[in-house]
Amino acid sequence: MKRLIIGCAVAGLIALSPKSEARLSGSLSLPRVSVVPSEQHEVGVASWYGEEVEGNQTASGEAFDLNGLTAAHHTLPFGTTIRVTNLRNHKSLLLRVNDRGPHLGKRLLDVSWAAAKRLGFVLTGTTRVRVEVVSRPPLLSAQR
């Protein structure tokens, strides 16, 4: 019963959230996902990457698109949808994990240029963020 209530609350929050969402480039579509409880979150520093790696292969095997709404995380499974909130200006955005990293310092997350632009930290290069898992690929959800 508690999981049902939490699930309904999370679904309601998602429905009321801004309409930004992770999208795959090209003709691929996102797999069906299931909502996970929102108490799973991390806080740390995010940076962004863009033109210097445009078109390079990500760790998931897809080509990096600086205009895509994607992120690199050290451990979250590929295809995981995360809500990233810039703690300086409180802008948030849904992103899809498709790469590994960041590979510099003790940063928590690397996001695409487009994501950094929407989150408002392209000029500063880094910002403190909260990362919340919104959904996981269905095979991983079934194993939890």
Protein backbone atom coordinates (compact mmCIF):
# COMPACT_ATOMS: atom_id res chain seq x y z
CA MET A 1 0.00 0.00 0.00
CA LYS A 2 2.84 2.38 0.90
CA ARG A 3 4.50 1.76 -2.48
CA LEU A 4 1.22 2.46 -4.26
CA ILE A 5 0.83 5.78 -2.45
CA ILE A 6 4.45 6.75 -3.15
CA GLY A 7 4.08 5.72 -6.79
CA CYS A 8 0.92 7.82 -7.19
CA ALA A 9 2.62 10.81 -5.54
CA VAL A 10 5.65 10.52 -7.84
CA ALA A 11 3.42 10.13 -10.92
CA GLY A 12 1.50 13.26 -9.88
CA LEU A 13 4.70 15.24 -9.43
CA ILE A 14 5.94 14.12 -12.83
CA ALA A 15 2.65 15.09 -14.45
CA LEU A 16 2.87 18.57 -12.90
CA SER A 17 6.57 19.07 -13.72
CA PRO A 18 7.90 21.23 -16.61
CA LYS A 19 7.51 19.63 -20.02
CA SER A 20 11.27 19.22 -20.71
CA GLU A 21 12.15 15.60 -21.18
CA ALA A 22 14.93 13.39 -22.41
CA ARG A 23 14.68 12.50 -26.08
CA LEU A 24 16.75 10.25 -28.29
CA SER A 25 18.00 11.74 -31.51
CA GLY A 26 17.03 10.07 -34.76
CA SER A 27 14.27 7.53 -35.14
CA LEU A 28 14.94 5.60 -31.92
CA SER A 29 12.33 5.75 -29.16
CA LEU A 30 12.62 5.44 -25.40
CA PRO A 31 11.76 2.05 -23.89
CA ARG A 32 8.80 1.83 -21.53
CA VAL A 33 9.88 2.61 -18.00
CA SER A 34 8.45 2.33 -14.53
CA VAL A 35 8.49 5.05 -11.89
CA VAL A 36 10.80 4.59 -8.90
CA PRO A 37 10.48 6.29 -5.49
CA SER A 38 11.88 9.84 -5.48
CA GLU A 39 13.92 9.41 -2.29
CA GLN A 40 16.82 8.15 -4.44
CA HIS A 41 18.93 11.26 -5.06
CA GLU A 42 22.48 12.61 -5.05
CA VAL A 43 23.90 16.12 -4.68
CA GLY A 44 27.17 17.19 -6.29
CA VAL A 45 28.85 19.18 -9.04
CA ALA A 46 27.78 18.90 -12.68
CA SER A 47 29.72 20.03 -15.73
CA TRP A 48 28.86 19.95 -19.42
CA TYR A 49 30.40 18.76 -22.65
CA GLY A 50 29.55 19.60 -26.24
CA GLU A 51 31.14 20.40 -29.57
CA GLU A 52 34.53 18.83 -28.79
CA VAL A 53 32.93 15.36 -28.63
CA GLU A 54 29.98 15.86 -31.02
CA GLY A 55 29.37 12.62 -32.93
CA ASN A 56 31.81 10.56 -30.84
CA GLN A 57 30.50 7.25 -29.55
CA THR A 58 29.23 7.31 -25.96
CA ALA A 59 29.74 4.42 -23.55
CA SER A 60 26.23 3.20 -24.41
CA GLY A 61 27.18 2.93 -28.09
CA GLU A 62 25.13 5.82 -29.45
CA ALA A 63 26.62 8.94 -31.01
CA PHE A 64 26.91 11.95 -28.70
CA ASP A 65 24.55 14.78 -29.65
CA LEU A 66 25.32 18.10 -28.00
CA ASN A 67 21.68 19.13 -28.60
CA GLY A 68 20.28 15.99 -26.97
CA LEU A 69 19.03 15.97 -23.39
CA THR A 70 21.48 13.40 -22.08
CA ALA A 71 23.94 12.90 -19.24
CA ALA A 72 27.00 10.90 -18.23
CA HIS A 73 26.95 9.31 -14.76
CA HIS A 74 29.46 6.95 -13.15
CA THR A 75 27.06 4.17 -12.13
CA LEU A 76 23.42 4.71 -13.16
CA PRO A 77 22.27 2.24 -15.83
CA PHE A 78 22.02 3.46 -19.42
CA GLY A 79 18.46 4.49 -20.21
CA THR A 80 17.78 5.73 -16.68
CA THR A 81 15.77 8.96 -16.67
CA ILE A 82 16.94 11.47 -14.08
CA ARG A 83 15.65 14.84 -12.91
CA VAL A 84 18.57 17.25 -12.61
CA THR A 85 17.98 20.42 -10.60
CA ASN A 86 20.43 23.32 -10.66
CA LEU A 87 20.63 24.26 -6.96
CA ARG A 88 21.68 27.85 -7.78
CA ASN A 89 18.63 28.81 -9.86
CA HIS A 90 16.25 25.86 -9.17
CA LYS A 91 15.74 25.06 -12.87
CA SER A 92 15.20 21.35 -13.45
CA LEU A 93 15.16 19.06 -16.44
CA LEU A 94 14.64 15.39 -17.27
CA LEU A 95 17.70 13.77 -18.84
CA ARG A 96 18.55 10.27 -20.05
CA VAL A 97 21.80 8.60 -18.96
CA ASN A 98 23.69 7.39 -22.04
CA ASP A 99 27.36 7.78 -21.11
CA ARG A 100 29.91 7.23 -18.33
CA GLY A 101 31.73 10.01 -16.56
CA PRO A 102 32.54 12.66 -15.68
CA HIS A 103 36.23 11.90 -15.87
CA LEU A 104 37.48 15.07 -14.20
CA GLY A 105 37.77 15.58 -10.45
CA LYS A 106 35.00 14.47 -8.14
CA ARG A 107 32.13 15.65 -10.32
CA LEU A 108 28.82 13.85 -10.10
CA LEU A 109 27.46 14.39 -13.60
CA ASP A 110 28.31 15.57 -17.10
CA VAL A 111 25.40 16.88 -19.15
CA SER A 112 25.08 17.81 -22.82
CA TRP A 113 25.48 21.43 -23.91
CA ALA A 114 21.73 21.70 -24.54
CA ALA A 115 20.98 20.47 -21.01
CA ALA A 116 23.48 22.91 -19.48
CA LYS A 117 21.91 25.74 -21.48
CA ARG A 118 18.39 24.91 -20.24
CA LEU A 119 19.67 24.48 -16.68
CA GLY A 120 21.44 27.85 -16.90
CA PHE A 121 25.11 27.02 -16.40
CA VAL A 122 26.74 27.09 -19.84
CA LEU A 123 28.72 30.24 -19.02
CA THR A 124 29.95 29.08 -15.59
CA GLY A 125 30.82 25.56 -16.79
CA THR A 126 29.83 23.85 -13.54
CA THR A 127 27.10 24.08 -10.93
CA ARG A 128 25.82 22.21 -7.87
CA VAL A 129 22.92 19.91 -8.76
CA ARG A 130 20.53 17.42 -7.23
CA VAL A 131 20.06 14.26 -9.29
CA GLU A 132 16.91 12.20 -8.71
CA VAL A 133 16.14 8.90 -10.41
CA VAL A 134 12.75 9.20 -12.09
CA SER A 135 12.65 5.90 -13.97
CA ARG A 136 14.83 2.98 -14.95
CA PRO A 137 14.76 0.74 -18.02
CA PRO A 138 12.11 -2.00 -17.52
CA LEU A 139 14.50 -4.94 -17.18
CA LEU A 140 16.36 -3.20 -14.35
CA SER A 141 13.09 -2.21 -12.63
CA ALA A 142 11.97 -5.85 -12.57
CA GLN A 143 15.23 -6.91 -10.90
CA ARG A 144 14.91 -4.42 -7.99
